[in-house]
């Protein structure tokens, strides 16, 4: 398998994982909002069905967006979720600010390497 094929495969798997993580998070938030779980009194039971759900719930709890109100009982902290979304947006912009120049540099270097051979006839 060539290096470019491996990179395409890794990139594709990375995108699929990112989409699955975002969809899982969206479902968790929707479940809490649909149950009107916005305080410890209105907390709802969330059954953790998969490692992906457990991972996203853990991230949301660490960020203060979701709060535990007992065993398997959680509620959505609106202020915490807003802060979490803003931090996620800043993180995405930071990654883009670093990745885009690197991709341009790699593209430019690949073009330079292609021109270093024998002159065209």
PDB file of N, CA and C in Angstrom:
ATOM      1  N   UNK A   1       0.851  -1.172   0.000  1.00  0.00           N
ATOM      2  CA  UNK A   1       0.000   0.000   0.000  1.00  0.00           C
ATOM      3  C   UNK A   1       0.899   1.238   0.000  1.00  0.00           C
ATOM      4  N   UNK A   2       0.624   2.174  -0.878  1.00  0.00           N
ATOM      5  CA  UNK A   2       1.442   3.370  -0.987  1.00  0.00           C
ATOM      6  C   UNK A   2       1.106   4.359   0.125  1.00  0.00           C
ATOM      7  N   UNK A   3       2.036   5.259   0.368  1.00  0.00           N
ATOM      8  CA  UNK A   3       1.873   6.250   1.425  1.00  0.00           C
ATOM      9  C   UNK A   3       0.615   7.095   1.215  1.00  0.00           C
ATOM     10  N   UNK A   4       0.347   7.487  -0.018  1.00  0.00           N
ATOM     11  CA  UNK A   4      -0.838   8.311  -0.277  1.00  0.00           C
ATOM     12  C   UNK A   4      -2.121   7.551   0.020  1.00  0.00           C
ATOM     13  N   UNK A   5      -2.127   6.250  -0.269  1.00  0.00           N
ATOM     14  CA  UNK A   5      -3.307   5.439   0.038  1.00  0.00           C
ATOM     15  C   UNK A   5      -3.524   5.337   1.538  1.00  0.00           C
ATOM     16  N   UNK A   6      -2.441   5.178   2.284  1.00  0.00           N
ATOM     17  CA  UNK A   6      -2.536   5.113   3.745  1.00  0.00           C
ATOM     18  C   UNK A   6      -3.061   6.434   4.287  1.00  0.00           C
ATOM     19  N   UNK A   7      -2.536   7.540   3.771  1.00  0.00           N
ATOM     20  CA  UNK A   7      -2.989   8.855   4.225  1.00  0.00           C
ATOM     21  C   UNK A   7      -4.462   9.072   3.911  1.00  0.00           C
ATOM     22  N   UNK A   8      -4.903   8.647   2.748  1.00  0.00           N
ATOM     23  CA  UNK A   8      -6.325   8.767   2.404  1.00  0.00           C
ATOM     24  C   UNK A   8      -7.183   7.930   3.338  1.00  0.00           C
ATOM     25  N   UNK A   9      -6.733   6.722   3.633  1.00  0.00           N
ATOM     26  CA  UNK A   9      -7.476   5.846   4.528  1.00  0.00           C
ATOM     27  C   UNK A   9      -7.566   6.453   5.921  1.00  0.00           C
ATOM     28  N   UNK A  10      -6.440   6.922   6.441  1.00  0.00           N
ATOM     29  CA  UNK A  10      -6.418   7.526   7.777  1.00  0.00           C
ATOM     30  C   UNK A  10      -7.297   8.776   7.798  1.00  0.00           C
ATOM     31  N   UNK A  11      -7.205   9.583   6.758  1.00  0.00           N
ATOM     32  CA  UNK A  11      -8.036  10.783   6.681  1.00  0.00           C
ATOM     33  C   UNK A  11      -9.515  10.453   6.657  1.00  0.00           C
ATOM     34  N   UNK A  12      -9.890   9.452   5.881  1.00  0.00           N
ATOM     35  CA  UNK A  12     -11.290   9.043   5.808  1.00  0.00           C
ATOM     36  C   UNK A  12     -11.808   8.518   7.130  1.00  0.00           C
ATOM     37  N   UNK A  13     -11.005   7.695   7.783  1.00  0.00           N
ATOM     38  CA  UNK A  13     -11.400   7.160   9.090  1.00  0.00           C
ATOM     39  C   UNK A  13     -11.499   8.295  10.109  1.00  0.00           C
ATOM     40  N   UNK A  14     -10.578   9.243  10.033  1.00  0.00           N
ATOM     41  CA  UNK A  14     -10.616  10.394  10.941  1.00  0.00           C
ATOM     42  C   UNK A  14     -11.895  11.197  10.786  1.00  0.00           C
ATOM     43  N   UNK A  15     -12.296  11.444   9.534  1.00  0.00           N
ATOM     44  CA  UNK A  15     -13.537  12.178   9.292  1.00  0.00           C
ATOM     45  C   UNK A  15     -14.744  11.398   9.802  1.00  0.00           C
ATOM     46  N   UNK A  16     -14.764  10.085   9.579  1.00  0.00           N
ATOM     47  CA  UNK A  16     -15.894   9.277  10.051  1.00  0.00           C
ATOM     48  C   UNK A  16     -15.982   9.303  11.573  1.00  0.00           C
ATOM     49  N   UNK A  17     -14.829   9.235  12.247  1.00  0.00           N
ATOM     50  CA  UNK A  17     -14.817   9.287  13.703  1.00  0.00           C
ATOM     51  C   UNK A  17     -15.303  10.647  14.195  1.00  0.00           C
ATOM     52  N   UNK A  18     -14.855  11.718  13.564  1.00  0.00           N
ATOM     53  CA  UNK A  18     -15.288  13.060  13.963  1.00  0.00           C
ATOM     54  C   UNK A  18     -16.797  13.214  13.801  1.00  0.00           C
ATOM     55  N   UNK A  19     -17.331  12.712  12.701  1.00  0.00           N
ATOM     56  CA  UNK A  19     -18.776  12.799  12.469  1.00  0.00           C
ATOM     57  C   UNK A  19     -19.530  11.984  13.511  1.00  0.00           C
ATOM     58  N   UNK A  20     -19.035  10.791  13.829  1.00  0.00           N
ATOM     59  CA  UNK A  20     -19.688   9.951  14.838  1.00  0.00           C
ATOM     60  C   UNK A  20     -19.663  10.620  16.207  1.00  0.00           C
ATOM     61  N   UNK A  21     -18.543  11.256  16.561  1.00  0.00           N
ATOM     62  CA  UNK A  21     -18.445  11.941  17.850  1.00  0.00           C
ATOM     63  C   UNK A  21     -19.421  13.109  17.930  1.00  0.00           C
ATOM     64  N   UNK A  22     -19.492  13.908  16.880  1.00  0.00           N
ATOM     65  CA  UNK A  22     -20.410  15.050  16.879  1.00  0.00           C
ATOM     66  C   UNK A  22     -21.867  14.598  16.916  1.00  0.00           C
ATOM     67  N   UNK A  23     -22.197  13.543  16.179  1.00  0.00           N
ATOM     68  CA  UNK A  23     -23.569  13.035  16.180  1.00  0.00           C
ATOM     69  C   UNK A  23     -23.938  12.490  17.557  1.00  0.00           C
ATOM     70  N   UNK A  24     -23.015  11.807  18.200  1.00  0.00           N
ATOM     71  CA  UNK A  24     -23.263  11.274  19.542  1.00  0.00           C
ATOM     72  C   UNK A  24     -23.499  12.407  20.527  1.00  0.00           C
ATOM     73  N   UNK A  25     -22.666  13.439  20.448  1.00  0.00           N
ATOM     74  CA  UNK A  25     -22.837  14.589  21.338  1.00  0.00           C
ATOM     75  C   UNK A  25     -24.188  15.259  21.095  1.00  0.00           C
ATOM     76  N   UNK A  26     -24.544  15.438  19.835  1.00  0.00           N
ATOM     77  CA  UNK A  26     -25.813  16.078  19.499  1.00  0.00           C
ATOM     78  C   UNK A  26     -26.992  15.282  20.054  1.00  0.00           C
ATOM     79  N   UNK A  27     -26.925  13.937  19.963  1.00  0.00           N
ATOM     80  CA  UNK A  27     -28.001  13.095  20.504  1.00  0.00           C
ATOM     81  C   UNK A  27     -28.097  13.222  22.022  1.00  0.00           C
ATOM     82  N   UNK A  28     -26.942  13.251  22.701  1.00  0.00           N
ATOM     83  CA  UNK A  28     -26.957  13.410  24.159  1.00  0.00           C
ATOM     84  C   UNK A  28     -27.613  14.729  24.559  1.00  0.00           C
ATOM     85  N   UNK A  29     -27.206  15.810  23.916  1.00  0.00           N
ATOM     86  CA  UNK A  29     -27.764  17.128  24.231  1.00  0.00           C
ATOM     87  C   UNK A  29     -29.258  17.148  23.927  1.00  0.00           C
ATOM     88  N   UNK A  30     -29.662  16.567  22.794  1.00  0.00           N
ATOM     89  CA  UNK A  30     -31.080  16.529  22.438  1.00  0.00           C
ATOM     90  C   UNK A  30     -31.884  15.754  23.476  1.00  0.00           C
ATOM     91  N   UNK A  31     -31.342  14.628  23.951  1.00  0.00           N
ATOM     92  CA  UNK A  31     -32.055  13.840  24.966  1.00  0.00           C
ATOM     93  C   UNK A  31     -32.254  14.647  26.236  1.00  0.00           C
ATOM     94  N   UNK A  32     -31.232  15.392  26.644  1.00  0.00           N
ATOM     95  CA  UNK A  32     -31.359  16.208  27.853  1.00  0.00           C
ATOM     96  C   UNK A  32     -32.347  17.356  27.642  1.00  0.00           C
ATOM     97  N   UNK A  33     -32.293  17.993  26.494  1.00  0.00           N
ATOM     98  CA  UNK A  33     -33.225  19.100  26.213  1.00  0.00           C
ATOM     99  C   UNK A  33     -34.657  18.596  26.085  1.00  0.00           C
ATOM    100  N   UNK A  34     -34.859  17.474  25.401  1.00  0.00           N
ATOM    101  CA  UNK A  34     -36.208  16.923  25.249  1.00  0.00           C
ATOM    102  C   UNK A  34     -36.812  16.554  26.597  1.00  0.00           C
ATOM    103  N   UNK A  35     -35.969  16.123  27.531  1.00  0.00           N
ATOM    104  CA  UNK A  35     -36.441  15.764  28.871  1.00  0.00           C
ATOM    105  C   UNK A  35     -36.532  16.990  29.778  1.00  0.00           C
ATOM    106  N   UNK A  36     -36.181  18.171  29.257  1.00  0.00           N
ATOM    107  CA  UNK A  36     -36.162  19.422  30.029  1.00  0.00           C
ATOM    108  C   UNK A  36     -35.296  19.276  31.274  1.00  0.00           C
ATOM    109  N   UNK A  37     -34.196  18.558  31.130  1.00  0.00           N
ATOM    110  CA  UNK A  37     -33.267  18.325  32.239  1.00  0.00           C
ATOM    111  C   UNK A  37     -32.277  19.480  32.296  1.00  0.00           C
ATOM    112  N   UNK A  38     -32.683  20.552  33.006  1.00  0.00           N
ATOM    113  CA  UNK A  38     -31.863  21.760  33.067  1.00  0.00           C
ATOM    114  C   UNK A  38     -31.486  22.143  34.497  1.00  0.00           C
ATOM    115  N   UNK A  39     -31.824  21.290  35.450  1.00  0.00           N
ATOM    116  CA  UNK A  39     -31.447  21.530  36.848  1.00  0.00           C
ATOM    117  C   UNK A  39     -31.352  20.187  37.557  1.00  0.00           C
ATOM    118  N   UNK A  40     -30.823  20.208  38.778  1.00  0.00           N
ATOM    119  CA  UNK A  40     -30.684  18.941  39.508  1.00  0.00           C
ATOM    120  C   UNK A  40     -32.051  18.327  39.810  1.00  0.00           C
ATOM    121  N   UNK A  41     -33.070  19.165  39.982  1.00  0.00           N
ATOM    122  CA  UNK A  41     -34.420  18.649  40.250  1.00  0.00           C
ATOM    123  C   UNK A  41     -35.027  17.983  39.019  1.00  0.00           C
ATOM    124  N   UNK A  42     -34.686  18.478  37.846  1.00  0.00           N
ATOM    125  CA  UNK A  42     -35.271  17.934  36.617  1.00  0.00           C
ATOM    126  C   UNK A  42     -34.324  16.978  35.886  1.00  0.00           C
ATOM    127  N   UNK A  43     -33.250  16.572  36.549  1.00  0.00           N
ATOM    128  CA  UNK A  43     -32.265  15.677  35.921  1.00  0.00           C
ATOM    129  C   UNK A  43     -32.948  14.401  35.439  1.00  0.00           C
ATOM    130  N   UNK A  44     -32.436  13.874  34.357  1.00  0.00           N
ATOM    131  CA  UNK A  44     -33.019  12.674  33.764  1.00  0.00           C
ATOM    132  C   UNK A  44     -31.990  11.544  33.744  1.00  0.00           C
ATOM    133  N   UNK A  45     -32.490  10.338  33.638  1.00  0.00           N
ATOM    134  CA  UNK A  45     -31.623   9.165  33.585  1.00  0.00           C
ATOM    135  C   UNK A  45     -31.107   9.008  32.155  1.00  0.00           C
ATOM    136  N   UNK A  46     -29.799   8.887  32.033  1.00  0.00           N
ATOM    137  CA  UNK A  46     -29.173   8.620  30.736  1.00  0.00           C
ATOM    138  C   UNK A  46     -28.542   7.243  30.801  1.00  0.00           C
ATOM    139  N   UNK A  47     -29.048   6.344  30.000  1.00  0.00           N
ATOM    140  CA  UNK A  47     -28.449   5.013  29.910  1.00  0.00           C
ATOM    141  C   UNK A  47     -27.254   5.109  28.963  1.00  0.00           C
ATOM    142  N   UNK A  48     -26.096   4.726  29.455  1.00  0.00           N
ATOM    143  CA  UNK A  48     -24.879   4.778  28.647  1.00  0.00           C
ATOM    144  C   UNK A  48     -24.813   3.485  27.849  1.00  0.00           C
ATOM    145  N   UNK A  49     -25.014   3.604  26.532  1.00  0.00           N
ATOM    146  CA  UNK A  49     -25.156   2.412  25.698  1.00  0.00           C
ATOM    147  C   UNK A  49     -23.877   1.981  24.988  1.00  0.00           C
ATOM    148  N   UNK A  50     -22.896   2.863  24.883  1.00  0.00           N
ATOM    149  CA  UNK A  50     -21.692   2.493  24.135  1.00  0.00           C
ATOM    150  C   UNK A  50     -20.488   3.264  24.656  1.00  0.00           C
ATOM    151  N   UNK A  51     -19.291   2.796  24.338  1.00  0.00           N
ATOM    152  CA  UNK A  51     -18.084   3.523  24.748  1.00  0.00           C
ATOM    153  C   UNK A  51     -18.030   4.932  24.154  1.00  0.00           C
ATOM    154  N   UNK A  52     -18.568   5.106  22.954  1.00  0.00           N
ATOM    155  CA  UNK A  52     -18.578   6.424  22.323  1.00  0.00           C
ATOM    156  C   UNK A  52     -19.452   7.400  23.116  1.00  0.00           C
ATOM    157  N   UNK A  53     -20.619   6.931  23.559  1.00  0.00           N
ATOM    158  CA  UNK A  53     -21.507   7.765  24.378  1.00  0.00           C
ATOM    159  C   UNK A  53     -20.831   8.078  25.706  1.00  0.00           C
ATOM    160  N   UNK A  54     -20.204   7.084  26.306  1.00  0.00           N
ATOM    161  CA  UNK A  54     -19.513   7.289  27.582  1.00  0.00           C
ATOM    162  C   UNK A  54     -18.399   8.328  27.429  1.00  0.00           C
ATOM    163  N   UNK A  55     -17.651   8.246  26.323  1.00  0.00           N
ATOM    164  CA  UNK A  55     -16.566   9.192  26.071  1.00  0.00           C
ATOM    165  C   UNK A  55     -17.097  10.610  25.918  1.00  0.00           C
ATOM    166  N   UNK A  56     -18.150  10.789  25.094  1.00  0.00           N
ATOM    167  CA  UNK A  56     -18.687  12.139  24.875  1.00  0.00           C
ATOM    168  C   UNK A  56     -19.299  12.695  26.152  1.00  0.00           C
ATOM    169  N   UNK A  57     -20.001  11.857  26.908  1.00  0.00           N
ATOM    170  CA  UNK A  57     -20.590  12.319  28.165  1.00  0.00           C
ATOM    171  C   UNK A  57     -19.497  12.743  29.134  1.00  0.00           C
ATOM    172  N   UNK A  58     -18.416  11.993  29.175  1.00  0.00           N
ATOM    173  CA  UNK A  58     -17.283  12.345  30.038  1.00  0.00           C
ATOM    174  C   UNK A  58     -16.702  13.700  29.640  1.00  0.00           C
ATOM    175  N   UNK A  59     -16.530  13.940  28.342  1.00  0.00           N
ATOM    176  CA  UNK A  59     -16.007  15.233  27.872  1.00  0.00           C
ATOM    177  C   UNK A  59     -16.948  16.375  28.240  1.00  0.00           C
ATOM    178  N   UNK A  60     -18.247  16.156  28.046  1.00  0.00           N
ATOM    179  CA  UNK A  60     -19.228  17.191  28.369  1.00  0.00           C
ATOM    180  C   UNK A  60     -19.260  17.472  29.868  1.00  0.00           C
ATOM    181  N   UNK A  61     -19.101  16.432  30.678  1.00  0.00           N
ATOM    182  CA  UNK A  61     -19.078  16.627  32.135  1.00  0.00           C
ATOM    183  C   UNK A  61     -17.832  17.385  32.567  1.00  0.00           C
ATOM    184  N   UNK A  62     -16.667  17.033  32.019  1.00  0.00           N
ATOM    185  CA  UNK A  62     -15.429  17.731  32.373  1.00  0.00           C
ATOM    186  C   UNK A  62     -15.487  19.200  31.990  1.00  0.00           C
ATOM    187  N   UNK A  63     -16.187  19.510  30.911  1.00  0.00           N
ATOM    188  CA  UNK A  63     -16.310  20.897  30.449  1.00  0.00           C
ATOM    189  C   UNK A  63     -17.372  21.667  31.224  1.00  0.00           C
ATOM    190  N   UNK A  64     -18.160  20.976  32.034  1.00  0.00           N
ATOM    191  CA  UNK A  64     -19.207  21.644  32.804  1.00  0.00           C
ATOM    192  C   UNK A  64     -20.497  21.842  32.035  1.00  0.00           C
ATOM    193  N   UNK A  65     -20.617  21.223  30.873  1.00  0.00           N
ATOM    194  CA  UNK A  65     -21.830  21.360  30.067  1.00  0.00           C
ATOM    195  C   UNK A  65     -22.936  20.429  30.557  1.00  0.00           C
ATOM    196  N   UNK A  66     -22.553  19.274  31.070  1.00  0.00           N
ATOM    197  CA  UNK A  66     -23.496  18.311  31.633  1.00  0.00           C
ATOM    198  C   UNK A  66     -23.067  18.040  33.067  1.00  0.00           C
ATOM    199  N   UNK A  67     -24.053  18.021  33.960  1.00  0.00           N
ATOM    200  CA  UNK A  67     -23.774  17.856  35.387  1.00  0.00           C
ATOM    201  C   UNK A  67     -24.472  16.596  35.891  1.00  0.00           C
ATOM    202  N   UNK A  68     -23.763  15.821  36.713  1.00  0.00           N
ATOM    203  CA  UNK A  68     -24.350  14.621  37.314  1.00  0.00           C
ATOM    204  C   UNK A  68     -25.163  15.033  38.537  1.00  0.00           C
ATOM    205  N   UNK A  69     -26.369  14.463  38.645  1.00  0.00           N
ATOM    206  CA  UNK A  69     -27.234  14.752  39.787  1.00  0.00           C
ATOM    207  C   UNK A  69     -27.538  13.482  40.563  1.00  0.00           C
ATOM    208  N   UNK A  70     -26.789  12.451  40.321  1.00  0.00           N
ATOM    209  CA  UNK A  70     -26.994  11.167  40.972  1.00  0.00           C
ATOM    210  C   UNK A  70     -26.531  10.070  40.039  1.00  0.00           C
ATOM    211  N   UNK A  71     -26.699   8.819  40.473  1.00  0.00           N
ATOM    212  CA  UNK A  71     -26.286   7.715  39.609  1.00  0.00           C
ATOM    213  C   UNK A  71     -27.095   7.708  38.307  1.00  0.00           C
ATOM    214  N   UNK A  72     -26.409   7.852  37.201  1.00  0.00           N
ATOM    215  CA  UNK A  72     -27.000   7.853  35.864  1.00  0.00           C
ATOM    216  C   UNK A  72     -28.010   8.978  35.642  1.00  0.00           C
ATOM    217  N   UNK A  73     -28.048   9.977  36.528  1.00  0.00           N
ATOM    218  CA  UNK A  73     -28.960  11.121  36.366  1.00  0.00           C
ATOM    219  C   UNK A  73     -28.127  12.348  36.033  1.00  0.00           C
ATOM    220  N   UNK A  74     -28.500  13.015  34.946  1.00  0.00           N
ATOM    221  CA  UNK A  74     -27.736  14.155  34.459  1.00  0.00           C
ATOM    222  C   UNK A  74     -28.667  15.272  34.029  1.00  0.00           C
ATOM    223  N   UNK A  75     -28.102  16.491  34.002  1.00  0.00           N
ATOM    224  CA  UNK A  75     -28.832  17.620  33.430  1.00  0.00           C
ATOM    225  C   UNK A  75     -27.868  18.512  32.670  1.00  0.00           C
ATOM    226  N   UNK A  76     -28.435  19.313  31.776  1.00  0.00           N
ATOM    227  CA  UNK A  76     -27.666  20.212  30.921  1.00  0.00           C
ATOM    228  C   UNK A  76     -27.536  21.564  31.607  1.00  0.00           C
ATOM    229  N   UNK A  77     -26.312  22.009  31.798  1.00  0.00           N
ATOM    230  CA  UNK A  77     -26.049  23.351  32.322  1.00  0.00           C
ATOM    231  C   UNK A  77     -25.900  24.265  31.108  1.00  0.00           C
ATOM    232  N   UNK A  78     -26.875  25.146  30.890  1.00  0.00           N
ATOM    233  CA  UNK A  78     -26.898  25.975  29.675  1.00  0.00           C
ATOM    234  C   UNK A  78     -25.652  26.849  29.568  1.00  0.00           C
ATOM    235  N   UNK A  79     -25.254  27.475  30.666  1.00  0.00           N
ATOM    236  CA  UNK A  79     -24.056  28.321  30.644  1.00  0.00           C
ATOM    237  C   UNK A  79     -22.802  27.514  30.364  1.00  0.00           C
ATOM    238  N   UNK A  80     -22.702  26.353  30.978  1.00  0.00           N
ATOM    239  CA  UNK A  80     -21.555  25.478  30.751  1.00  0.00           C
ATOM    240  C   UNK A  80     -21.500  24.985  29.317  1.00  0.00           C
ATOM    241  N   UNK A  81     -22.667  24.688  28.748  1.00  0.00           N
ATOM    242  CA  UNK A  81     -22.697  24.216  27.361  1.00  0.00           C
ATOM    243  C   UNK A  81     -22.306  25.334  26.397  1.00  0.00           C
ATOM    244  N   UNK A  82     -22.748  26.550  26.689  1.00  0.00           N
ATOM    245  CA  UNK A  82     -22.362  27.697  25.851  1.00  0.00           C
ATOM    246  C   UNK A  82     -20.855  27.902  25.895  1.00  0.00           C
ATOM    247  N   UNK A  83     -20.275  27.848  27.097  1.00  0.00           N
ATOM    248  CA  UNK A  83     -18.814  27.991  27.224  1.00  0.00           C
ATOM    249  C   UNK A  83     -18.093  26.867  26.482  1.00  0.00           C
ATOM    250  N   UNK A  84     -18.608  25.654  26.586  1.00  0.00           N
ATOM    251  CA  UNK A  84     -18.019  24.501  25.906  1.00  0.00           C
ATOM    252  C   UNK A  84     -18.030  24.705  24.392  1.00  0.00           C
ATOM    253  N   UNK A  85     -19.161  25.163  23.849  1.00  0.00           N
ATOM    254  CA  UNK A  85     -19.260  25.383  22.404  1.00  0.00           C
ATOM    255  C   UNK A  85     -18.313  26.479  21.941  1.00  0.00           C
ATOM    256  N   UNK A  86     -18.194  27.546  22.728  1.00  0.00           N
ATOM    257  CA  UNK A  86     -17.267  28.623  22.357  1.00  0.00           C
ATOM    258  C   UNK A  86     -15.823  28.119  22.372  1.00  0.00           C
ATOM    259  N   UNK A  87     -15.465  27.347  23.392  1.00  0.00           N
ATOM    260  CA  UNK A  87     -14.104  26.799  23.480  1.00  0.00           C
ATOM    261  C   UNK A  87     -13.838  25.849  22.314  1.00  0.00           C
ATOM    262  N   UNK A  88     -14.839  25.064  21.947  1.00  0.00           N
ATOM    263  CA  UNK A  88     -14.686  24.141  20.821  1.00  0.00           C
ATOM    264  C   UNK A  88     -14.475  24.919  19.519  1.00  0.00           C
ATOM    265  N   UNK A  89     -15.191  26.014  19.355  1.00  0.00           N
ATOM    266  CA  UNK A  89     -15.014  26.855  18.168  1.00  0.00           C
ATOM    267  C   UNK A  89     -13.624  27.468  18.108  1.00  0.00           C
ATOM    268  N   UNK A  90     -13.141  27.949  19.262  1.00  0.00           N
ATOM    269  CA  UNK A  90     -11.785  28.512  19.308  1.00  0.00           C
ATOM    270  C   UNK A  90     -10.748  27.443  18.993  1.00  0.00           C
ATOM    271  N   UNK A  91     -10.960  26.244  19.518  1.00  0.00           N
ATOM    272  CA  UNK A  91     -10.033  25.140  19.260  1.00  0.00           C
ATOM    273  C   UNK A  91     -10.015  24.794  17.770  1.00  0.00           C
ATOM    274  N   UNK A  92     -11.177  24.777  17.146  1.00  0.00           N
ATOM    275  CA  UNK A  92     -11.252  24.476  15.713  1.00  0.00           C
ATOM    276  C   UNK A  92     -10.529  25.544  14.895  1.00  0.00           C
ATOM    277  N   UNK A  93     -10.695  26.806  15.265  1.00  0.00           N
ATOM    278  CA  UNK A  93      -9.995  27.880  14.549  1.00  0.00           C
ATOM    279  C   UNK A  93      -8.486  27.776  14.728  1.00  0.00           C
ATOM    280  N   UNK A  94      -8.045  27.392  15.922  1.00  0.00           N
ATOM    281  CA  UNK A  94      -6.614  27.224  16.173  1.00  0.00           C
ATOM    282  C   UNK A  94      -6.049  26.101  15.309  1.00  0.00           C
ATOM    283  N   UNK A  95      -6.757  24.989  15.257  1.00  0.00           N
ATOM    284  CA  UNK A  95      -6.310  23.865  14.427  1.00  0.00           C
ATOM    285  C   UNK A  95      -6.251  24.291  12.964  1.00  0.00           C
ATOM    286  N   UNK A  96      -7.258  25.017  12.514  1.00  0.00           N
ATOM    287  CA  UNK A  96      -7.275  25.488  11.129  1.00  0.00           C
ATOM    288  C   UNK A  96      -6.123  26.451  10.863  1.00  0.00           C
ATOM    289  N   UNK A  97      -5.847  27.338  11.821  1.00  0.00           N
ATOM    290  CA  UNK A  97      -4.761  28.312  11.651  1.00  0.00           C
ATOM    291  C   UNK A  97      -3.399  27.628  11.563  1.00  0.00           C
ATOM    292  N   UNK A  98      -3.262  26.477  12.189  1.00  0.00           N
ATOM    293  CA  UNK A  98      -1.999  25.735  12.122  1.00  0.00           C
ATOM    294  C   UNK A  98      -1.980  24.813  10.898  1.00  0.00           C
ATOM    295  N   UNK A  99      -3.085  24.122  10.649  1.00  0.00           N
ATOM    296  CA  UNK A  99      -3.116  23.113   9.585  1.00  0.00           C
ATOM    297  C   UNK A  99      -3.090  23.723   8.188  1.00  0.00           C
ATOM    298  N   UNK A 100      -3.792  24.821   7.977  1.00  0.00           N
ATOM    299  CA  UNK A 100      -3.857  25.399   6.636  1.00  0.00           C
ATOM    300  C   UNK A 100      -2.491  25.838   6.118  1.00  0.00           C
ATOM    301  N   UNK A 101      -1.701  26.596   6.886  1.00  0.00           N
ATOM    302  CA  UNK A 101      -0.362  26.935   6.382  1.00  0.00           C
ATOM    303  C   UNK A 101       0.516  25.701   6.151  1.00  0.00           C
ATOM    304  N   UNK A 102       0.375  24.683   7.016  1.00  0.00           N
ATOM    305  CA  UNK A 102       1.150  23.454   6.815  1.00  0.00           C
ATOM    306  C   UNK A 102       0.754  22.751   5.519  1.00  0.00           C
ATOM    307  N   UNK A 103      -0.540  22.704   5.238  1.00  0.00           N
ATOM    308  CA  UNK A 103      -0.989  22.068   3.997  1.00  0.00           C
ATOM    309  C   UNK A 103      -0.492  22.848   2.781  1.00  0.00           C
ATOM    310  N   UNK A 104      -0.536  24.174   2.856  1.00  0.00           N
ATOM    311  CA  UNK A 104      -0.029  24.994   1.748  1.00  0.00           C
ATOM    312  C   UNK A 104       1.467  24.759   1.560  1.00  0.00           C
ATOM    313  N   UNK A 105       2.212  24.701   2.666  1.00  0.00           N
ATOM    314  CA  UNK A 105       3.653  24.451   2.589  1.00  0.00           C
ATOM    315  C   UNK A 105       3.936  23.085   1.966  1.00  0.00           C
ATOM    316  N   UNK A 106       3.223  22.061   2.404  1.00  0.00           N
ATOM    317  CA  UNK A 106       3.420  20.717   1.841  1.00  0.00           C
ATOM    318  C   UNK A 106       3.064  20.681   0.361  1.00  0.00           C
ATOM    319  N   UNK A 107       1.996  21.359  -0.020  1.00  0.00           N
ATOM    320  CA  UNK A 107       1.604  21.424  -1.425  1.00  0.00           C
ATOM    321  C   UNK A 107       2.701  22.101  -2.244  1.00  0.00           C
ATOM    322  N   UNK A 108       3.233  23.198  -1.721  1.00  0.00           N
ATOM    323  CA  UNK A 108       4.289  23.934  -2.416  1.00  0.00           C
ATOM    324  C   UNK A 108       5.556  23.083  -2.528  1.00  0.00           C
ATOM    325  N   UNK A 109       5.926  22.405  -1.428  1.00  0.00           N
ATOM    326  CA  UNK A 109       7.116  21.550  -1.454  1.00  0.00           C
ATOM    327  C   UNK A 109       6.946  20.385  -2.423  1.00  0.00           C
ATOM    328  N   UNK A 110       5.753  19.826  -2.482  1.00  0.00           N
ATOM    329  CA  UNK A 110       5.505  18.730  -3.425  1.00  0.00           C
ATOM    330  C   UNK A 110       5.653  19.222  -4.858  1.00  0.00           C
ATOM    331  N   UNK A 111       5.227  20.427  -5.134  1.00  0.00           N
ATOM    332  CA  UNK A 111       5.388  21.009  -6.467  1.00  0.00           C
ATOM    333  C   UNK A 111       6.845  21.254  -6.792  1.00  0.00           C
ATOM    334  N   UNK A 112       7.620  21.693  -5.795  1.00  0.00           N
ATOM    335  CA  UNK A 112       9.048  21.928  -6.002  1.00  0.00           C
ATOM    336  C   UNK A 112       9.774  20.615  -6.276  1.00  0.00           C
ATOM    337  N   UNK A 113       9.395  19.563  -5.563  1.00  0.00           N
ATOM    338  CA  UNK A 113      10.034  18.260  -5.765  1.00  0.00           C
ATOM    339  C   UNK A 113       9.721  17.722  -7.159  1.00  0.00           C
ATOM    340  N   UNK A 114       8.530  18.005  -7.654  1.00  0.00           N
ATOM    341  CA  UNK A 114       8.154  17.555  -8.991  1.00  0.00           C
ATOM    342  C   UNK A 114       8.904  18.294 -10.083  1.00  0.00           C
ATOM    343  N   UNK A 115       9.365  19.504  -9.805  1.00  0.00           N
ATOM    344  CA  UNK A 115      10.079  20.305 -10.802  1.00  0.00           C
ATOM    345  C   UNK A 115      11.585  20.103 -10.758  1.00  0.00           C
ATOM    346  N   UNK A 116      12.086  19.302  -9.831  1.00  0.00           N
ATOM    347  CA  UNK A 116      13.535  19.173  -9.673  1.00  0.00           C
ATOM    348  C   UNK A 116      14.159  18.127 -10.599  1.00  0.00           C
ATOM    349  N   UNK A 117      13.357  17.468 -11.403  1.00  0.00           N
ATOM    350  CA  UNK A 117      13.880  16.436 -12.303  1.00  0.00           C
ATOM    351  C   UNK A 117      14.520  17.045 -13.540  1.00  0.00           C
ATOM    352  N   UNK A 118      14.652  16.213 -14.556  1.00  0.00           N
ATOM    353  CA  UNK A 118      15.258  16.654 -15.824  1.00  0.00           C
ATOM    354  C   UNK A 118      14.352  17.677 -16.498  1.00  0.00           C
ATOM    355  N   UNK A 119      14.936  18.582 -17.275  1.00  0.00           N
ATOM    356  CA  UNK A 119      14.119  19.591 -17.957  1.00  0.00           C
ATOM    357  C   UNK A 119      13.174  18.948 -18.971  1.00  0.00           C
ATOM    358  N   UNK A 120      12.029  19.582 -19.129  1.00  0.00           N
ATOM    359  CA  UNK A 120      11.029  19.075 -20.074  1.00  0.00           C
ATOM    360  C   UNK A 120      11.485  19.319 -21.508  1.00  0.00           C
ATOM    361  N   UNK A 121      11.121  18.429 -22.436  1.00  0.00           N
ATOM    362  CA  UNK A 121      11.516  18.570 -23.852  1.00  0.00           C
ATOM    363  C   UNK A 121      10.366  19.015 -24.682  1.00  0.00           C
TER     364      UNK A 121
END
